[in-house]
């Protein structure tokens, strides 16, 4: 039986610190070069989505994830101009962490969430959902 043609599986990790800042990368590669995004990327074959989220966070920022909580699954076929991707998004909290850009991140910054952030993909909606979960105390 031939393999079905399906969307690509990705992960994103929303990281909040004790000051309410979010850890964002500046994209170094197309699409959305220079825009803010969450650390994330493609899931490798044989890898769980949780392991992928932790790996991508470490590769792109040097930050170790704490406990992961599911924010949601984002699957709009138009969310990525490169093609149909499905992202499983996790939230984690850290007390504080020194972040350093790596992998395909041009820069990494701790940023106060606000309406002026230019964000890649559907990451503004993801941020809204993650902040709602955090405010409700559904993740500690």
Protein backbone atom coordinates (compact mmCIF):
# COMPACT_ATOMS: atom_id res chain seq x y z
CA UNK A 1 0.00 0.00 0.00
CA UNK A 2 1.48 3.39 -0.96
CA UNK A 3 2.02 5.96 1.78
CA UNK A 4 -0.64 8.67 1.87
CA UNK A 5 0.26 12.26 1.08
CA UNK A 6 -0.26 14.12 4.35
CA UNK A 7 0.62 17.44 5.98
CA UNK A 8 4.06 17.79 7.57
CA UNK A 9 4.18 17.56 11.36
CA UNK A 10 5.79 20.39 13.32
CA UNK A 11 6.02 21.59 16.92
CA UNK A 12 6.28 25.01 18.54
CA UNK A 13 7.18 25.86 22.12
CA UNK A 14 5.79 28.90 23.95
CA UNK A 15 8.15 29.73 26.82
CA UNK A 16 7.12 32.17 29.56
CA UNK A 17 9.38 33.47 32.30
CA UNK A 18 8.55 34.70 35.80
CA UNK A 19 8.23 38.29 34.52
CA UNK A 20 5.56 37.36 31.97
CA UNK A 21 7.89 37.66 29.01
CA UNK A 22 7.79 35.22 26.10
CA UNK A 23 10.87 33.74 24.44
CA UNK A 24 10.84 34.47 20.71
CA UNK A 25 13.26 33.93 17.89
CA UNK A 26 13.77 36.15 14.88
CA UNK A 27 13.52 33.98 11.82
CA UNK A 28 16.73 33.72 9.85
CA UNK A 29 15.27 31.78 6.93
CA UNK A 30 12.25 32.18 4.65
CA UNK A 31 9.40 32.42 5.05
CA UNK A 32 8.95 35.46 7.29
CA UNK A 33 12.65 36.36 7.56
CA UNK A 34 13.13 38.74 10.51
CA UNK A 35 9.67 38.17 12.00
CA UNK A 36 9.21 36.86 15.52
CA UNK A 37 8.30 33.19 15.92
CA UNK A 38 8.25 30.56 18.58
CA UNK A 39 11.12 28.12 18.74
CA UNK A 40 10.01 25.08 16.82
CA UNK A 41 10.41 22.95 13.76
CA UNK A 42 9.75 19.62 12.14
CA UNK A 43 9.29 16.39 14.08
CA UNK A 44 11.87 13.74 13.17
CA UNK A 45 10.80 10.19 12.31
CA UNK A 46 10.83 8.11 15.50
CA UNK A 47 10.51 11.17 17.76
CA UNK A 48 7.57 12.13 19.97
CA UNK A 49 6.15 15.62 19.63
CA UNK A 50 7.18 16.36 23.23
CA UNK A 51 10.78 15.34 22.53
CA UNK A 52 10.76 17.37 19.31
CA UNK A 53 9.53 20.49 21.16
CA UNK A 54 12.28 20.14 23.78
CA UNK A 55 14.92 19.48 21.11
CA UNK A 56 13.89 22.42 18.93
CA UNK A 57 13.79 24.76 21.93
CA UNK A 58 17.31 23.71 22.95
CA UNK A 59 18.69 23.87 19.38
CA UNK A 60 17.26 27.32 18.64
CA UNK A 61 17.67 29.04 22.02
CA UNK A 62 19.85 26.97 24.35
CA UNK A 63 16.97 26.95 26.88
CA UNK A 64 15.90 23.72 28.55
CA UNK A 65 12.14 23.16 28.66
CA UNK A 66 10.38 22.58 31.95
CA UNK A 67 7.11 20.70 32.19
CA UNK A 68 5.21 20.86 28.91
CA UNK A 69 1.49 21.57 28.65
CA UNK A 70 -0.44 21.25 25.42
CA UNK A 71 -1.67 24.57 24.04
CA UNK A 72 -3.32 23.11 20.97
CA UNK A 73 -3.00 21.70 17.49
CA UNK A 74 -2.94 24.20 14.63
CA UNK A 75 -3.78 22.79 11.22
CA UNK A 76 -5.08 25.51 8.89
CA UNK A 77 -3.78 24.44 5.47
CA UNK A 78 -2.71 28.04 4.75
CA UNK A 79 -0.74 28.57 8.01
CA UNK A 80 2.61 28.01 6.24
CA UNK A 81 3.23 29.34 2.72
CA UNK A 82 5.66 26.45 2.07
CA UNK A 83 2.84 23.92 2.28
CA UNK A 84 0.37 22.28 4.62
CA UNK A 85 1.83 21.79 8.10
CA UNK A 86 0.21 20.77 11.36
CA UNK A 87 1.82 22.15 14.52
CA UNK A 88 1.45 20.70 17.99
CA UNK A 89 2.13 23.59 20.37
CA UNK A 90 3.34 23.33 23.95
CA UNK A 91 3.65 25.83 26.79
CA UNK A 92 6.46 25.73 29.33
CA UNK A 93 7.52 28.06 32.10
CA UNK A 94 11.03 28.83 33.27
CA UNK A 95 12.08 31.00 36.21
CA UNK A 96 14.79 32.62 34.14
CA UNK A 97 17.10 31.50 31.40
CA UNK A 98 19.89 32.94 29.34
CA UNK A 99 18.97 32.38 25.71
CA UNK A 100 21.38 32.22 22.79
CA UNK A 101 20.39 32.03 19.11
CA UNK A 102 21.27 28.82 17.35
CA UNK A 103 20.20 26.60 14.45
CA UNK A 104 18.02 28.69 12.08
CA UNK A 105 17.27 31.50 14.57
CA UNK A 106 18.83 34.82 13.55
CA UNK A 107 18.32 36.16 17.09
CA UNK A 108 16.51 35.24 20.28
CA UNK A 109 14.82 37.66 22.68
CA UNK A 110 12.69 37.73 25.82
CA UNK A 111 9.78 39.98 24.83
CA UNK A 112 6.77 41.42 26.66
CA UNK A 113 3.71 40.31 24.67
CA UNK A 114 1.95 43.16 22.91
CA UNK A 115 -0.06 44.11 19.84
CA UNK A 116 2.94 45.50 17.93
CA UNK A 117 4.83 42.23 17.63
CA UNK A 118 5.22 41.19 14.00
CA UNK A 119 4.83 37.44 14.19
CA UNK A 120 5.28 34.72 11.59
CA UNK A 121 2.74 32.11 10.55
CA UNK A 122 -0.26 31.96 12.93
CA UNK A 123 1.90 32.61 15.98
CA UNK A 124 -0.09 35.65 17.15
CA UNK A 125 -3.18 33.44 17.58
CA UNK A 126 -1.05 30.77 19.27
CA UNK A 127 0.35 33.37 21.68
CA UNK A 128 -3.18 34.51 22.54
CA UNK A 129 -4.21 30.92 23.29
CA UNK A 130 -1.08 30.21 25.35
CA UNK A 131 -1.48 33.38 27.42
CA UNK A 132 -5.11 32.47 28.09
CA UNK A 133 -4.03 29.04 29.38
CA UNK A 134 -1.26 30.57 31.50
CA UNK A 135 -3.61 33.20 32.98
CA UNK A 136 -6.17 30.55 33.87
CA UNK A 137 -3.49 28.72 35.83
CA UNK A 138 -3.89 25.60 33.72
CA UNK A 139 -0.11 25.29 33.53
CA UNK A 140 2.35 25.74 36.36
